[in-house]
């Protein structure tokens, strides 16, 4: 089994969760691949650009793969798994399913309108530790995926915070209803789930090691 970690939006492979899981896997002699989905440049980031990076990594081996995705990374994992038989299992941490709808609601109509008009918006990027510009193209590109039916049946473990006001856990419940092999574990936590990271590993480890 190959293991691949997909970081979240405005994040990267070397932030808290990526570093934590790589260290945990390494303790058991297992490599956790973690591609940088910001490549080739965050300013032009789209759903399609990130999916292309993941598909290129998957093509490097025919080995069955477990995807561990955080936030947008969980959503990307769902999209990839729909038509990639090589994906044997999903592990999703607060998956940002229906990213377009959720993100536009989060920033509000006024800011979304300014973003559309100017083409650019500054966002806090946790990998770089500073604000970075992001082109509105990510929104235009995301529209083609918004109505994708995520109904492939495969083993999936989902973690979500009850108090997540960034990506409400109802999206995970909807996914659970469409995939009878999925399991949802809720925590009294917010979106990051960083405070629950050891408990997440407690559930993940028996599934993988």
Protein backbone atom coordinates (compact mmCIF):
# COMPACT_ATOMS: atom_id res chain seq x y z
CA UNK A 1 0.00 0.00 0.00
CA UNK A 2 1.20 3.50 -0.85
CA UNK A 3 0.21 6.49 1.29
CA UNK A 4 -0.28 10.01 -0.01
CA UNK A 5 -1.04 13.13 2.06
CA UNK A 6 -2.99 15.96 0.41
CA UNK A 7 -2.75 19.28 2.24
CA UNK A 8 -5.50 21.85 2.46
CA UNK A 9 -6.24 25.19 0.83
CA UNK A 10 -3.71 27.96 1.63
CA UNK A 11 -1.56 25.30 3.26
CA UNK A 12 1.27 23.01 2.23
CA UNK A 13 3.02 19.69 2.84
CA UNK A 14 5.22 21.10 5.61
CA UNK A 15 2.60 22.62 7.89
CA UNK A 16 1.46 21.05 11.16
CA UNK A 17 -0.54 18.05 9.90
CA UNK A 18 1.85 17.16 7.09
CA UNK A 19 4.85 17.15 9.42
CA UNK A 20 2.96 15.25 12.11
CA UNK A 21 1.78 12.45 9.85
CA UNK A 22 5.12 12.08 8.06
CA UNK A 23 6.82 11.66 11.44
CA UNK A 24 4.25 9.13 12.63
CA UNK A 25 4.50 7.05 9.45
CA UNK A 26 8.30 7.21 9.55
CA UNK A 27 8.24 5.75 13.08
CA UNK A 28 6.84 2.60 11.45
CA UNK A 29 9.24 2.63 8.50
CA UNK A 30 6.60 3.89 6.05
CA UNK A 31 7.08 6.77 3.64
CA UNK A 32 4.20 9.23 3.44
CA UNK A 33 4.34 11.13 0.17
CA UNK A 34 3.16 14.73 0.40
CA UNK A 35 3.19 16.66 -2.89
CA UNK A 36 3.07 20.45 -2.89
CA UNK A 37 -0.29 21.23 -4.49
CA UNK A 38 0.59 24.94 -4.73
CA UNK A 39 2.86 24.25 -7.70
CA UNK A 40 3.78 25.79 -10.05
CA UNK A 41 2.54 28.94 -8.28
CA UNK A 42 -0.15 29.67 -5.73
CA UNK A 43 -1.43 32.77 -7.56
CA UNK A 44 -2.88 30.60 -10.35
CA UNK A 45 -4.08 27.76 -8.12
CA UNK A 46 -7.20 25.88 -9.30
CA UNK A 47 -8.94 22.63 -8.49
CA UNK A 48 -7.81 21.32 -11.89
CA UNK A 49 -4.15 22.23 -11.28
CA UNK A 50 -4.14 20.35 -8.00
CA UNK A 51 -5.86 17.30 -9.48
CA UNK A 52 -3.23 17.23 -12.23
CA UNK A 53 -0.43 17.15 -9.65
CA UNK A 54 -2.08 14.29 -7.77
CA UNK A 55 -2.68 12.29 -10.96
CA UNK A 56 0.98 12.71 -11.96
CA UNK A 57 2.06 11.30 -8.59
CA UNK A 58 -0.38 8.39 -8.88
CA UNK A 59 1.04 7.51 -12.30
CA UNK A 60 4.45 6.88 -10.76
CA UNK A 61 3.30 3.50 -9.40
CA UNK A 62 0.56 0.93 -9.90
CA UNK A 63 0.51 0.19 -6.17
CA UNK A 64 -2.87 0.61 -4.41
CA UNK A 65 -2.97 3.96 -2.64
CA UNK A 66 -4.52 5.41 0.48
CA UNK A 67 -5.18 9.15 0.24
CA UNK A 68 -5.11 11.18 3.45
CA UNK A 69 -6.66 14.56 2.71
CA UNK A 70 -7.09 17.61 4.93
CA UNK A 71 -9.88 20.09 4.13
CA UNK A 72 -9.55 20.80 0.38
CA UNK A 73 -7.19 17.83 0.22
CA UNK A 74 -10.08 15.63 1.37
CA UNK A 75 -12.30 17.06 -1.36
CA UNK A 76 -9.58 16.50 -3.97
CA UNK A 77 -9.25 12.92 -2.74
CA UNK A 78 -12.98 12.35 -3.28
CA UNK A 79 -12.78 13.74 -6.81
CA UNK A 80 -9.72 11.66 -7.72
CA UNK A 81 -11.18 8.48 -6.23
CA UNK A 82 -14.26 8.68 -8.44
CA UNK A 83 -12.38 7.55 -11.55
CA UNK A 84 -9.10 6.18 -10.14
CA UNK A 85 -9.35 2.48 -9.20
CA UNK A 86 -5.82 2.70 -7.80
CA UNK A 87 -7.29 4.58 -4.81
CA UNK A 88 -8.07 1.84 -2.30
CA UNK A 89 -8.98 3.95 0.73
CA UNK A 90 -9.73 7.53 1.72
CA UNK A 91 -8.98 9.20 5.02
CA UNK A 92 -10.45 12.71 5.16
CA UNK A 93 -9.97 15.40 7.78
CA UNK A 94 -12.77 17.99 7.63
CA UNK A 95 -13.15 17.51 3.85
CA UNK A 96 -14.14 20.69 2.02
CA UNK A 97 -16.80 19.02 -0.10
CA UNK A 98 -18.61 21.55 -2.32
CA UNK A 99 -15.66 23.92 -1.96
CA UNK A 100 -17.12 26.58 -4.26
CA UNK A 101 -20.34 27.04 -2.32
CA UNK A 102 -18.62 26.89 1.07
CA UNK A 103 -15.85 29.33 0.25
CA UNK A 104 -18.07 31.95 -1.35
CA UNK A 105 -20.34 31.81 1.69
CA UNK A 106 -17.32 32.16 3.95
CA UNK A 107 -15.88 35.31 2.34
CA UNK A 108 -19.29 36.92 1.77
CA UNK A 109 -20.98 38.45 -1.27
CA UNK A 110 -19.23 41.82 -1.10
CA UNK A 111 -15.71 40.42 -1.01
CA UNK A 112 -16.58 37.83 -3.65
CA UNK A 113 -17.83 40.61 -5.94
CA UNK A 114 -14.60 42.61 -5.49
CA UNK A 115 -12.57 39.49 -6.21
CA UNK A 116 -14.50 38.85 -9.40
CA UNK A 117 -14.17 42.47 -10.56
CA UNK A 118 -10.45 42.89 -9.85
CA UNK A 119 -9.42 39.31 -10.57
CA UNK A 120 -7.32 39.09 -7.40
CA UNK A 121 -7.70 38.63 -3.66
CA UNK A 122 -5.10 38.42 -0.89
CA UNK A 123 -5.40 35.44 1.43
CA UNK A 124 -3.44 34.22 4.45
CA UNK A 125 -1.20 31.34 3.40
CA UNK A 126 -0.11 29.10 6.26
CA UNK A 127 2.71 27.35 4.41
CA UNK A 128 4.40 30.64 3.53
CA UNK A 129 3.44 32.51 6.70
CA UNK A 130 2.25 35.58 4.80
CA UNK A 131 -0.51 36.90 2.57
CA UNK A 132 -0.46 35.75 -1.05
CA UNK A 133 -2.49 36.85 -4.05
CA UNK A 134 -4.94 34.38 -5.56
CA UNK A 135 -6.61 34.74 -8.95
CA UNK A 136 -10.39 34.48 -9.32
CA UNK A 137 -9.79 31.67 -11.81
CA UNK A 138 -9.99 29.18 -8.96
CA UNK A 139 -13.68 30.03 -8.61
CA UNK A 140 -14.40 29.81 -12.33
CA UNK A 141 -12.56 26.48 -12.52
CA UNK A 142 -14.31 25.09 -9.42
CA UNK A 143 -17.75 25.41 -11.04
CA UNK A 144 -17.15 22.35 -13.22
CA UNK A 145 -16.69 20.17 -10.14
CA UNK A 146 -19.46 21.54 -7.94
CA UNK A 147 -22.09 19.10 -9.18
CA UNK A 148 -19.84 16.04 -9.34
CA UNK A 149 -21.56 13.09 -7.69
CA UNK A 150 -19.18 11.58 -5.13
CA UNK A 151 -20.71 8.13 -4.96
CA UNK A 152 -17.89 5.64 -5.43
CA UNK A 153 -18.13 2.96 -2.75
CA UNK A 154 -14.78 2.41 -1.05
CA UNK A 155 -13.45 2.30 2.51
CA UNK A 156 -13.35 5.85 3.87
CA UNK A 157 -12.64 7.25 7.31
CA UNK A 158 -13.81 10.82 7.93
CA UNK A 159 -12.98 13.12 10.84
CA UNK A 160 -14.87 16.36 11.38
CA UNK A 161 -15.36 18.95 14.09
CA UNK A 162 -18.84 19.64 15.37
CA UNK A 163 -17.95 23.32 15.78
CA UNK A 164 -16.41 23.67 12.31
CA UNK A 165 -17.76 26.96 10.95
CA UNK A 166 -15.37 26.93 7.95
CA UNK A 167 -16.56 23.62 6.47
CA UNK A 168 -19.69 22.46 8.33
CA UNK A 169 -19.80 18.73 9.00
CA UNK A 170 -23.10 18.30 7.12
CA UNK A 171 -21.07 17.81 3.93
CA UNK A 172 -19.38 14.81 5.50
CA UNK A 173 -22.76 13.40 6.47
CA UNK A 174 -23.92 13.74 2.86
CA UNK A 175 -20.84 11.83 1.71
CA UNK A 176 -21.46 9.20 4.37
CA UNK A 177 -24.99 8.67 3.06
CA UNK A 178 -23.65 8.07 -0.46
CA UNK A 179 -20.89 5.65 0.56
CA UNK A 180 -21.97 2.76 2.81
CA UNK A 181 -18.32 1.83 3.47
CA UNK A 182 -17.55 5.24 4.99
CA UNK A 183 -17.25 5.93 8.70
CA UNK A 184 -17.61 9.40 10.24
CA UNK A 185 -16.05 10.32 13.59
CA UNK A 186 -17.09 13.68 15.04
CA UNK A 187 -15.05 15.66 17.56
CA UNK A 188 -16.03 18.64 19.75
CA UNK A 189 -13.58 20.77 17.75
CA UNK A 190 -13.20 23.45 15.08
CA UNK A 191 -12.01 23.11 11.49
CA UNK A 192 -8.30 22.54 12.07
CA UNK A 193 -8.69 19.55 14.40
CA UNK A 194 -5.04 20.21 15.36
CA UNK A 195 -5.83 19.82 19.04
CA UNK A 196 -7.24 16.36 18.27
CA UNK A 197 -4.31 15.19 16.13
CA UNK A 198 -3.20 12.42 18.51
CA UNK A 199 -6.75 11.10 18.67
CA UNK A 200 -6.92 11.13 14.87
CA UNK A 201 -3.76 9.07 14.73
CA UNK A 202 -5.22 6.65 17.27
CA UNK A 203 -7.99 5.89 14.76
CA UNK A 204 -5.80 5.99 11.65
CA UNK A 205 -2.98 3.75 12.83
CA UNK A 206 -4.96 0.46 13.08
CA UNK A 207 -6.30 1.09 9.56
CA UNK A 208 -2.85 1.44 7.99
CA UNK A 209 -0.07 -0.10 9.99
